[in-house]
N, C-alpha and C. Protein backbone atom coordinates (compact mmCIF):
# COMPACT_ATOMS: atom_id res chain seq x y z
N MET A 1 0.84 -1.17 0.00
CA MET A 1 0.00 0.00 0.00
C MET A 1 0.89 1.24 0.00
N ILE A 2 0.53 2.18 -0.84
CA ILE A 2 1.24 3.45 -0.91
C ILE A 2 0.40 4.49 -0.20
N LEU A 3 1.00 5.22 0.69
CA LEU A 3 0.28 6.26 1.41
C LEU A 3 0.61 7.62 0.81
N ILE A 4 -0.42 8.42 0.62
CA ILE A 4 -0.26 9.76 0.08
C ILE A 4 -0.79 10.75 1.11
N ASP A 5 -0.04 11.80 1.36
CA ASP A 5 -0.50 12.84 2.28
C ASP A 5 -1.54 13.68 1.55
N ASP A 6 -2.81 13.28 1.70
CA ASP A 6 -3.89 13.93 0.96
C ASP A 6 -4.11 15.37 1.38
N ALA A 7 -3.60 15.76 2.52
CA ALA A 7 -3.75 17.16 2.95
C ALA A 7 -2.97 18.10 2.04
N LYS A 8 -2.00 17.55 1.31
CA LYS A 8 -1.18 18.38 0.43
C LYS A 8 -1.72 18.41 -1.00
N ILE A 9 -2.82 17.71 -1.26
CA ILE A 9 -3.39 17.68 -2.61
C ILE A 9 -4.39 18.81 -2.76
N ASP A 10 -4.22 19.58 -3.79
CA ASP A 10 -5.19 20.62 -4.15
C ASP A 10 -6.21 19.93 -5.05
N TRP A 11 -7.33 19.51 -4.45
CA TRP A 11 -8.32 18.70 -5.17
C TRP A 11 -8.93 19.44 -6.34
N GLU A 12 -9.14 20.72 -6.19
CA GLU A 12 -9.70 21.51 -7.28
C GLU A 12 -8.73 21.57 -8.46
N ARG A 13 -7.47 21.80 -8.16
CA ARG A 13 -6.46 21.84 -9.22
C ARG A 13 -6.30 20.47 -9.88
N LEU A 14 -6.32 19.41 -9.08
CA LEU A 14 -6.21 18.06 -9.63
C LEU A 14 -7.37 17.76 -10.58
N MET A 15 -8.56 18.20 -10.20
CA MET A 15 -9.74 18.02 -11.05
C MET A 15 -9.54 18.76 -12.38
N SER A 16 -9.05 19.96 -12.32
CA SER A 16 -8.80 20.75 -13.52
C SER A 16 -7.70 20.12 -14.38
N GLN A 17 -6.67 19.60 -13.75
CA GLN A 17 -5.59 18.96 -14.47
C GLN A 17 -6.08 17.70 -15.18
N LYS A 18 -6.96 16.95 -14.52
CA LYS A 18 -7.53 15.76 -15.14
C LYS A 18 -8.35 16.14 -16.37
N LEU A 19 -9.12 17.20 -16.27
CA LEU A 19 -9.91 17.68 -17.39
C LEU A 19 -9.00 18.08 -18.55
N THR A 20 -7.93 18.79 -18.25
CA THR A 20 -6.97 19.21 -19.27
C THR A 20 -6.33 18.00 -19.94
N LEU A 21 -5.95 17.00 -19.16
CA LEU A 21 -5.38 15.79 -19.74
C LEU A 21 -6.35 15.13 -20.72
N GLY A 22 -7.63 15.10 -20.36
CA GLY A 22 -8.63 14.52 -21.24
C GLY A 22 -8.75 15.27 -22.55
N ILE A 23 -8.72 16.59 -22.47
CA ILE A 23 -8.81 17.41 -23.67
C ILE A 23 -7.59 17.18 -24.56
N ILE A 24 -6.42 17.19 -23.96
CA ILE A 24 -5.19 16.98 -24.74
C ILE A 24 -5.17 15.57 -25.32
N SER A 25 -5.59 14.59 -24.55
CA SER A 25 -5.67 13.21 -25.04
C SER A 25 -6.56 13.12 -26.26
N ASN A 26 -7.71 13.78 -26.21
CA ASN A 26 -8.63 13.78 -27.35
C ASN A 26 -7.98 14.42 -28.57
N GLU A 27 -7.23 15.49 -28.36
CA GLU A 27 -6.54 16.15 -29.47
C GLU A 27 -5.54 15.20 -30.13
N TYR A 28 -4.77 14.49 -29.29
CA TYR A 28 -3.82 13.53 -29.85
C TYR A 28 -4.53 12.41 -30.60
N ARG A 29 -5.62 11.94 -30.05
CA ARG A 29 -6.36 10.84 -30.67
C ARG A 29 -7.03 11.28 -31.96
N ASP A 30 -7.72 12.42 -31.92
CA ASP A 30 -8.58 12.82 -33.03
C ASP A 30 -7.89 13.68 -34.08
N GLU A 31 -7.09 14.65 -33.65
CA GLU A 31 -6.51 15.60 -34.59
C GLU A 31 -5.12 15.20 -35.05
N LYS A 32 -4.35 14.61 -34.16
CA LYS A 32 -2.97 14.26 -34.51
C LYS A 32 -2.84 12.79 -34.89
N ASN A 33 -3.93 12.04 -34.73
CA ASN A 33 -3.95 10.60 -35.04
C ASN A 33 -2.80 9.87 -34.35
N ASP A 34 -2.56 10.23 -33.10
CA ASP A 34 -1.49 9.63 -32.30
C ASP A 34 -2.13 8.89 -31.13
N LYS A 35 -2.60 7.69 -31.41
CA LYS A 35 -3.32 6.93 -30.40
C LYS A 35 -2.41 6.46 -29.25
N ASP A 36 -1.12 6.24 -29.54
CA ASP A 36 -0.19 5.81 -28.48
C ASP A 36 -0.05 6.89 -27.40
N THR A 37 0.16 8.12 -27.82
CA THR A 37 0.28 9.22 -26.86
C THR A 37 -1.05 9.42 -26.13
N ALA A 38 -2.16 9.34 -26.85
CA ALA A 38 -3.47 9.48 -26.22
C ALA A 38 -3.67 8.42 -25.16
N THR A 39 -3.27 7.19 -25.44
CA THR A 39 -3.40 6.10 -24.47
C THR A 39 -2.55 6.36 -23.24
N GLN A 40 -1.35 6.88 -23.43
CA GLN A 40 -0.49 7.19 -22.28
C GLN A 40 -1.12 8.28 -21.41
N LEU A 41 -1.66 9.31 -22.05
CA LEU A 41 -2.31 10.39 -21.29
C LEU A 41 -3.55 9.86 -20.58
N ASP A 42 -4.30 8.97 -21.23
CA ASP A 42 -5.46 8.37 -20.59
C ASP A 42 -5.07 7.58 -19.35
N GLY A 43 -3.90 6.94 -19.41
CA GLY A 43 -3.42 6.19 -18.24
C GLY A 43 -3.19 7.09 -17.04
N ILE A 44 -2.63 8.26 -17.28
CA ILE A 44 -2.42 9.23 -16.19
C ILE A 44 -3.77 9.72 -15.67
N LYS A 45 -4.70 9.95 -16.58
CA LYS A 45 -6.05 10.39 -16.18
C LYS A 45 -6.73 9.32 -15.32
N HIS A 46 -6.55 8.05 -15.67
CA HIS A 46 -7.14 6.97 -14.88
C HIS A 46 -6.49 6.88 -13.49
N LEU A 47 -5.20 7.17 -13.42
CA LEU A 47 -4.52 7.21 -12.12
C LEU A 47 -5.14 8.30 -11.24
N ILE A 48 -5.39 9.46 -11.82
CA ILE A 48 -6.04 10.54 -11.08
C ILE A 48 -7.43 10.11 -10.64
N ASP A 49 -8.18 9.44 -11.53
CA ASP A 49 -9.50 8.91 -11.16
C ASP A 49 -9.40 8.02 -9.93
N HIS A 50 -8.40 7.14 -9.93
CA HIS A 50 -8.22 6.22 -8.81
C HIS A 50 -7.91 6.97 -7.51
N ILE A 51 -7.07 7.96 -7.60
CA ILE A 51 -6.74 8.77 -6.42
C ILE A 51 -8.00 9.45 -5.90
N GLN A 52 -8.79 10.02 -6.81
CA GLN A 52 -10.04 10.69 -6.41
C GLN A 52 -11.02 9.70 -5.80
N ASP A 53 -11.20 8.55 -6.45
CA ASP A 53 -12.11 7.54 -5.92
C ASP A 53 -11.69 7.06 -4.53
N SER A 54 -10.38 6.90 -4.34
CA SER A 54 -9.86 6.48 -3.04
C SER A 54 -10.11 7.53 -1.96
N ALA A 55 -10.00 8.79 -2.34
CA ALA A 55 -10.26 9.88 -1.39
C ALA A 55 -11.70 9.86 -0.93
N VAL A 56 -12.63 9.63 -1.86
CA VAL A 56 -14.05 9.56 -1.49
C VAL A 56 -14.31 8.30 -0.66
N ALA A 57 -13.73 7.17 -1.06
CA ALA A 57 -13.94 5.91 -0.36
C ALA A 57 -13.41 5.97 1.08
N SER A 58 -12.44 6.83 1.33
CA SER A 58 -11.87 6.94 2.68
C SER A 58 -12.88 7.49 3.67
N GLY A 59 -13.91 8.18 3.15
CA GLY A 59 -14.90 8.79 4.02
C GLY A 59 -14.49 10.16 4.53
N ILE A 60 -13.29 10.57 4.23
CA ILE A 60 -12.80 11.87 4.69
C ILE A 60 -13.36 12.99 3.81
N TYR A 61 -13.53 12.69 2.54
CA TYR A 61 -14.00 13.69 1.57
C TYR A 61 -15.30 13.22 0.93
N SER A 62 -16.14 14.17 0.60
CA SER A 62 -17.37 13.85 -0.13
C SER A 62 -17.09 13.87 -1.63
N GLU A 63 -17.98 13.27 -2.41
CA GLU A 63 -17.84 13.32 -3.86
C GLU A 63 -17.83 14.76 -4.35
N ASP A 64 -18.65 15.60 -3.72
CA ASP A 64 -18.71 17.00 -4.13
C ASP A 64 -17.37 17.70 -3.90
N GLU A 65 -16.70 17.38 -2.81
CA GLU A 65 -15.39 18.00 -2.54
C GLU A 65 -14.35 17.56 -3.56
N ILE A 66 -14.43 16.32 -4.00
CA ILE A 66 -13.41 15.77 -4.89
C ILE A 66 -13.75 15.99 -6.36
N PHE A 67 -15.02 15.85 -6.72
CA PHE A 67 -15.41 15.92 -8.13
C PHE A 67 -16.26 17.13 -8.48
N GLY A 68 -16.80 17.84 -7.49
CA GLY A 68 -17.84 18.81 -7.79
C GLY A 68 -17.49 20.27 -7.74
N ARG A 69 -16.26 20.64 -7.87
CA ARG A 69 -15.89 22.05 -7.74
C ARG A 69 -15.82 22.81 -9.05
N LEU A 70 -15.84 22.15 -10.17
CA LEU A 70 -15.77 22.86 -11.44
C LEU A 70 -17.13 23.46 -11.76
N ASP A 71 -17.12 24.60 -12.43
CA ASP A 71 -18.40 25.21 -12.79
C ASP A 71 -19.08 24.40 -13.90
N ASP A 72 -20.35 24.69 -14.17
CA ASP A 72 -21.13 23.90 -15.12
C ASP A 72 -20.52 23.86 -16.51
N LYS A 73 -19.90 24.95 -16.94
CA LYS A 73 -19.30 24.98 -18.26
C LYS A 73 -18.17 23.96 -18.35
N GLU A 74 -17.31 23.93 -17.34
CA GLU A 74 -16.19 22.98 -17.35
C GLU A 74 -16.69 21.55 -17.22
N LYS A 75 -17.72 21.34 -16.42
CA LYS A 75 -18.26 20.00 -16.25
C LYS A 75 -18.87 19.48 -17.54
N SER A 76 -19.33 20.40 -18.39
CA SER A 76 -19.99 19.96 -19.62
C SER A 76 -18.99 19.45 -20.65
N ILE A 77 -17.70 19.72 -20.45
CA ILE A 77 -16.68 19.21 -21.36
C ILE A 77 -16.37 17.80 -20.89
N LYS A 78 -16.68 16.84 -21.72
CA LYS A 78 -16.49 15.45 -21.34
C LYS A 78 -15.37 14.83 -22.18
N PRO A 79 -14.16 14.73 -21.62
CA PRO A 79 -13.08 14.09 -22.36
C PRO A 79 -13.43 12.63 -22.65
N LYS A 80 -13.01 12.15 -23.79
CA LYS A 80 -13.28 10.75 -24.19
C LYS A 80 -12.46 9.80 -23.39
């Protein structure tokens, strides 16, 4: 088991970074036809998902604290 000091994680920034990774991944997949790079970026995004899911599962944070801080416009962008 790897322990992470979650008090040092800026959850809002992490959420935004995950969104950015999704957007960039889509660009590599769709516009640059570089599926290998897109897959690598998706792997990092999935790691962030796991960290977020673990934070909620710990009971210390709510889903809203971990996933719900972006405004509606940002939430409407759904990376593939």
